[in-house]
Amino acid sequence: MSNPFDAKEFTTVEDELGFPQPNRENFLSYIKSINPSDLENIKVDRSDVG
């Protein structure tokens, strides 16, 4: 996953506050789409990476 801020130079405070807004909206939309039972019942097993 890439960081959208890596290649971005600082411009203005307004621009800095507005830049992440689309990503925030997409993230909130994704969170709202998750079924609550999935959050309770799906186990993420990451034992293979440490």
PDB file of N, CA and C in Angstrom:
ATOM      1  N   MET A   1       0.846  -1.161   0.000  1.00  0.00           N
ATOM      2  CA  MET A   1       0.000   0.000   0.000  1.00  0.00           C
ATOM      3  C   MET A   1       0.897   1.231   0.000  1.00  0.00           C
ATOM      4  N   SER A   2       0.602   2.162  -0.852  1.00  0.00           N
ATOM      5  CA  SER A   2       1.426   3.366  -0.946  1.00  0.00           C
ATOM      6  C   SER A   2       0.825   4.490  -0.107  1.00  0.00           C
ATOM      7  N   ASN A   3       1.668   5.416   0.259  1.00  0.00           N
ATOM      8  CA  ASN A   3       1.249   6.571   1.034  1.00  0.00           C
ATOM      9  C   ASN A   3       1.046   7.733   0.073  1.00  0.00           C
ATOM     10  N   PRO A   4      -0.170   8.271  -0.041  1.00  0.00           N
ATOM     11  CA  PRO A   4      -0.415   9.357  -1.001  1.00  0.00           C
ATOM     12  C   PRO A   4       0.307  10.654  -0.625  1.00  0.00           C
ATOM     13  N   PHE A   5       0.813  10.752   0.594  1.00  0.00           N
ATOM     14  CA  PHE A   5       1.517  11.958   1.028  1.00  0.00           C
ATOM     15  C   PHE A   5       3.003  11.931   0.687  1.00  0.00           C
ATOM     16  N   ASP A   6       3.542  10.771   0.292  1.00  0.00           N
ATOM     17  CA  ASP A   6       4.972  10.642   0.025  1.00  0.00           C
ATOM     18  C   ASP A   6       5.465  11.611  -1.054  1.00  0.00           C
ATOM     19  N   ALA A   7       4.748  11.725  -2.139  1.00  0.00           N
ATOM     20  CA  ALA A   7       5.199  12.543  -3.263  1.00  0.00           C
ATOM     21  C   ALA A   7       4.600  13.946  -3.257  1.00  0.00           C
ATOM     22  N   LYS A   8       3.863  14.289  -2.212  1.00  0.00           N
ATOM     23  CA  LYS A   8       3.164  15.575  -2.167  1.00  0.00           C
ATOM     24  C   LYS A   8       3.977  16.592  -1.376  1.00  0.00           C
ATOM     25  N   GLU A   9       4.132  17.769  -1.966  1.00  0.00           N
ATOM     26  CA  GLU A   9       4.817  18.848  -1.264  1.00  0.00           C
ATOM     27  C   GLU A   9       3.790  19.721  -0.555  1.00  0.00           C
ATOM     28  N   PHE A  10       4.194  20.311   0.542  1.00  0.00           N
ATOM     29  CA  PHE A  10       3.312  21.194   1.297  1.00  0.00           C
ATOM     30  C   PHE A  10       2.993  22.431   0.478  1.00  0.00           C
ATOM     31  N   THR A  11       1.721  22.830   0.477  1.00  0.00           N
ATOM     32  CA  THR A  11       1.309  24.040  -0.243  1.00  0.00           C
ATOM     33  C   THR A  11       0.657  25.014   0.740  1.00  0.00           C
ATOM     34  N   THR A  12      -0.604  24.759   1.079  1.00  0.00           N
ATOM     35  CA  THR A  12      -1.316  25.613   2.034  1.00  0.00           C
ATOM     36  C   THR A  12      -2.016  24.726   3.047  1.00  0.00           C
ATOM     37  N   VAL A  13      -2.409  25.312   4.149  1.00  0.00           N
ATOM     38  CA  VAL A  13      -3.135  24.552   5.166  1.00  0.00           C
ATOM     39  C   VAL A  13      -4.454  24.036   4.588  1.00  0.00           C
ATOM     40  N   GLU A  14      -5.138  24.873   3.830  1.00  0.00           N
ATOM     41  CA  GLU A  14      -6.411  24.458   3.231  1.00  0.00           C
ATOM     42  C   GLU A  14      -6.230  23.258   2.306  1.00  0.00           C
ATOM     43  N   ASP A  15      -5.168  23.289   1.517  1.00  0.00           N
ATOM     44  CA  ASP A  15      -4.883  22.171   0.611  1.00  0.00           C
ATOM     45  C   ASP A  15      -4.534  20.910   1.400  1.00  0.00           C
ATOM     46  N   GLU A  16      -3.744  21.071   2.447  1.00  0.00           N
ATOM     47  CA  GLU A  16      -3.361  19.926   3.270  1.00  0.00           C
ATOM     48  C   GLU A  16      -4.576  19.298   3.944  1.00  0.00           C
ATOM     49  N   LEU A  17      -5.529  20.115   4.357  1.00  0.00           N
ATOM     50  CA  LEU A  17      -6.735  19.583   4.988  1.00  0.00           C
ATOM     51  C   LEU A  17      -7.684  18.957   3.969  1.00  0.00           C
ATOM     52  N   GLY A  18      -7.714  19.480   2.759  1.00  0.00           N
ATOM     53  CA  GLY A  18      -8.613  18.963   1.727  1.00  0.00           C
ATOM     54  C   GLY A  18      -8.088  17.739   1.004  1.00  0.00           C
ATOM     55  N   PHE A  19      -6.771  17.598   0.935  1.00  0.00           N
ATOM     56  CA  PHE A  19      -6.160  16.495   0.177  1.00  0.00           C
ATOM     57  C   PHE A  19      -6.624  15.114   0.630  1.00  0.00           C
ATOM     58  N   PRO A  20      -6.669  14.824   1.925  1.00  0.00           N
ATOM     59  CA  PRO A  20      -7.052  13.470   2.345  1.00  0.00           C
ATOM     60  C   PRO A  20      -8.559  13.215   2.338  1.00  0.00           C
ATOM     61  N   GLN A  21      -9.363  14.226   2.076  1.00  0.00           N
ATOM     62  CA  GLN A  21     -10.818  14.072   2.177  1.00  0.00           C
ATOM     63  C   GLN A  21     -11.381  12.933   1.327  1.00  0.00           C
ATOM     64  N   PRO A  22     -11.008  12.793   0.053  1.00  0.00           N
ATOM     65  CA  PRO A  22     -11.543  11.662  -0.730  1.00  0.00           C
ATOM     66  C   PRO A  22     -11.170  10.304  -0.135  1.00  0.00           C
ATOM     67  N   ASN A  23      -9.929  10.164   0.351  1.00  0.00           N
ATOM     68  CA  ASN A  23      -9.521   8.899   0.963  1.00  0.00           C
ATOM     69  C   ASN A  23     -10.314   8.640   2.236  1.00  0.00           C
ATOM     70  N   ARG A  24     -10.554   9.679   3.005  1.00  0.00           N
ATOM     71  CA  ARG A  24     -11.329   9.537   4.240  1.00  0.00           C
ATOM     72  C   ARG A  24     -12.748   9.083   3.923  1.00  0.00           C
ATOM     73  N   GLU A  25     -13.355   9.699   2.912  1.00  0.00           N
ATOM     74  CA  GLU A  25     -14.716   9.330   2.531  1.00  0.00           C
ATOM     75  C   GLU A  25     -14.779   7.891   2.037  1.00  0.00           C
ATOM     76  N   ASN A  26     -13.792   7.473   1.258  1.00  0.00           N
ATOM     77  CA  ASN A  26     -13.749   6.080   0.785  1.00  0.00           C
ATOM     78  C   ASN A  26     -13.595   5.116   1.950  1.00  0.00           C
ATOM     79  N   PHE A  27     -12.731   5.459   2.910  1.00  0.00           N
ATOM     80  CA  PHE A  27     -12.513   4.610   4.066  1.00  0.00           C
ATOM     81  C   PHE A  27     -13.790   4.484   4.897  1.00  0.00           C
ATOM     82  N   LEU A  28     -14.462   5.599   5.159  1.00  0.00           N
ATOM     83  CA  LEU A  28     -15.699   5.559   5.941  1.00  0.00           C
ATOM     84  C   LEU A  28     -16.785   4.767   5.222  1.00  0.00           C
ATOM     85  N   SER A  29     -16.851   4.906   3.916  1.00  0.00           N
ATOM     86  CA  SER A  29     -17.815   4.134   3.135  1.00  0.00           C
ATOM     87  C   SER A  29     -17.526   2.638   3.251  1.00  0.00           C
ATOM     88  N   TYR A  30     -16.246   2.283   3.186  1.00  0.00           N
ATOM     89  CA  TYR A  30     -15.855   0.877   3.329  1.00  0.00           C
ATOM     90  C   TYR A  30     -16.233   0.350   4.709  1.00  0.00           C
ATOM     91  N   ILE A  31     -15.936   1.108   5.751  1.00  0.00           N
ATOM     92  CA  ILE A  31     -16.250   0.689   7.121  1.00  0.00           C
ATOM     93  C   ILE A  31     -17.750   0.461   7.279  1.00  0.00           C
ATOM     94  N   LYS A  32     -18.544   1.352   6.717  1.00  0.00           N
ATOM     95  CA  LYS A  32     -20.005   1.223   6.821  1.00  0.00           C
ATOM     96  C   LYS A  32     -20.525   0.009   6.054  1.00  0.00           C
ATOM     97  N   SER A  33     -19.755  -0.466   5.060  1.00  0.00           N
ATOM     98  CA  SER A  33     -20.213  -1.600   4.251  1.00  0.00           C
ATOM     99  C   SER A  33     -19.915  -2.953   4.905  1.00  0.00           C
ATOM    100  N   ILE A  34     -19.100  -2.964   5.952  1.00  0.00           N
ATOM    101  CA  ILE A  34     -18.738  -4.219   6.606  1.00  0.00           C
ATOM    102  C   ILE A  34     -19.889  -4.704   7.472  1.00  0.00           C
ATOM    103  N   ASN A  35     -20.211  -5.955   7.333  1.00  0.00           N
ATOM    104  CA  ASN A  35     -21.272  -6.566   8.119  1.00  0.00           C
ATOM    105  C   ASN A  35     -20.785  -6.725   9.568  1.00  0.00           C
ATOM    106  N   PRO A  36     -21.544  -6.242  10.550  1.00  0.00           N
ATOM    107  CA  PRO A  36     -21.112  -6.361  11.945  1.00  0.00           C
ATOM    108  C   PRO A  36     -20.770  -7.787  12.373  1.00  0.00           C
ATOM    109  N   SER A  37     -21.467  -8.761  11.837  1.00  0.00           N
ATOM    110  CA  SER A  37     -21.154 -10.144  12.215  1.00  0.00           C
ATOM    111  C   SER A  37     -19.783 -10.557  11.691  1.00  0.00           C
ATOM    112  N   ASP A  38     -19.346  -9.977  10.565  1.00  0.00           N
ATOM    113  CA  ASP A  38     -18.007 -10.259  10.059  1.00  0.00           C
ATOM    114  C   ASP A  38     -16.950  -9.772  11.041  1.00  0.00           C
ATOM    115  N   LEU A  39     -17.192  -8.624  11.651  1.00  0.00           N
ATOM    116  CA  LEU A  39     -16.239  -8.081  12.615  1.00  0.00           C
ATOM    117  C   LEU A  39     -16.118  -8.971  13.846  1.00  0.00           C
ATOM    118  N   GLU A  40     -17.176  -9.658  14.171  1.00  0.00           N
ATOM    119  CA  GLU A  40     -17.175 -10.526  15.346  1.00  0.00           C
ATOM    120  C   GLU A  40     -16.677 -11.935  15.036  1.00  0.00           C
ATOM    121  N   ASN A  41     -16.861 -12.414  13.807  1.00  0.00           N
ATOM    122  CA  ASN A  41     -16.641 -13.824  13.511  1.00  0.00           C
ATOM    123  C   ASN A  41     -15.433 -14.147  12.633  1.00  0.00           C
ATOM    124  N   ILE A  42     -14.920 -13.182  11.890  1.00  0.00           N
ATOM    125  CA  ILE A  42     -13.794 -13.465  11.013  1.00  0.00           C
ATOM    126  C   ILE A  42     -12.496 -13.267  11.785  1.00  0.00           C
ATOM    127  N   LYS A  43     -11.644 -14.277  11.741  1.00  0.00           N
ATOM    128  CA  LYS A  43     -10.360 -14.210  12.421  1.00  0.00           C
ATOM    129  C   LYS A  43      -9.264 -13.985  11.376  1.00  0.00           C
ATOM    130  N   VAL A  44      -8.423 -13.000  11.622  1.00  0.00           N
ATOM    131  CA  VAL A  44      -7.292 -12.724  10.750  1.00  0.00           C
ATOM    132  C   VAL A  44      -6.075 -13.392  11.365  1.00  0.00           C
ATOM    133  N   ASP A  45      -5.510 -14.340  10.632  1.00  0.00           N
ATOM    134  CA  ASP A  45      -4.356 -15.085  11.118  1.00  0.00           C
ATOM    135  C   ASP A  45      -3.119 -14.578  10.396  1.00  0.00           C
ATOM    136  N   ARG A  46      -2.278 -13.831  11.108  1.00  0.00           N
ATOM    137  CA  ARG A  46      -1.051 -13.302  10.533  1.00  0.00           C
ATOM    138  C   ARG A  46       0.178 -13.948  11.155  1.00  0.00           C
ATOM    139  N   SER A  47       0.003 -15.163  11.680  1.00  0.00           N
ATOM    140  CA  SER A  47       1.106 -15.852  12.357  1.00  0.00           C
ATOM    141  C   SER A  47       2.262 -16.151  11.400  1.00  0.00           C
ATOM    142  N   ASP A  48       1.998 -16.168  10.106  1.00  0.00           N
ATOM    143  CA  ASP A  48       3.041 -16.465   9.132  1.00  0.00           C
ATOM    144  C   ASP A  48       4.039 -15.319   8.967  1.00  0.00           C
ATOM    145  N   VAL A  49       3.695 -14.145   9.479  1.00  0.00           N
ATOM    146  CA  VAL A  49       4.588 -12.987   9.326  1.00  0.00           C
ATOM    147  C   VAL A  49       5.162 -12.515  10.664  1.00  0.00           C
ATOM    148  N   GLY A  50       5.038 -13.308  11.671  1.00  0.00           N
ATOM    149  CA  GLY A  50       5.695 -12.926  12.908  1.00  0.00           C
ATOM    150  C   GLY A  50       4.825 -13.081  14.068  1.00  0.00           C
TER     151      GLY A  50
END
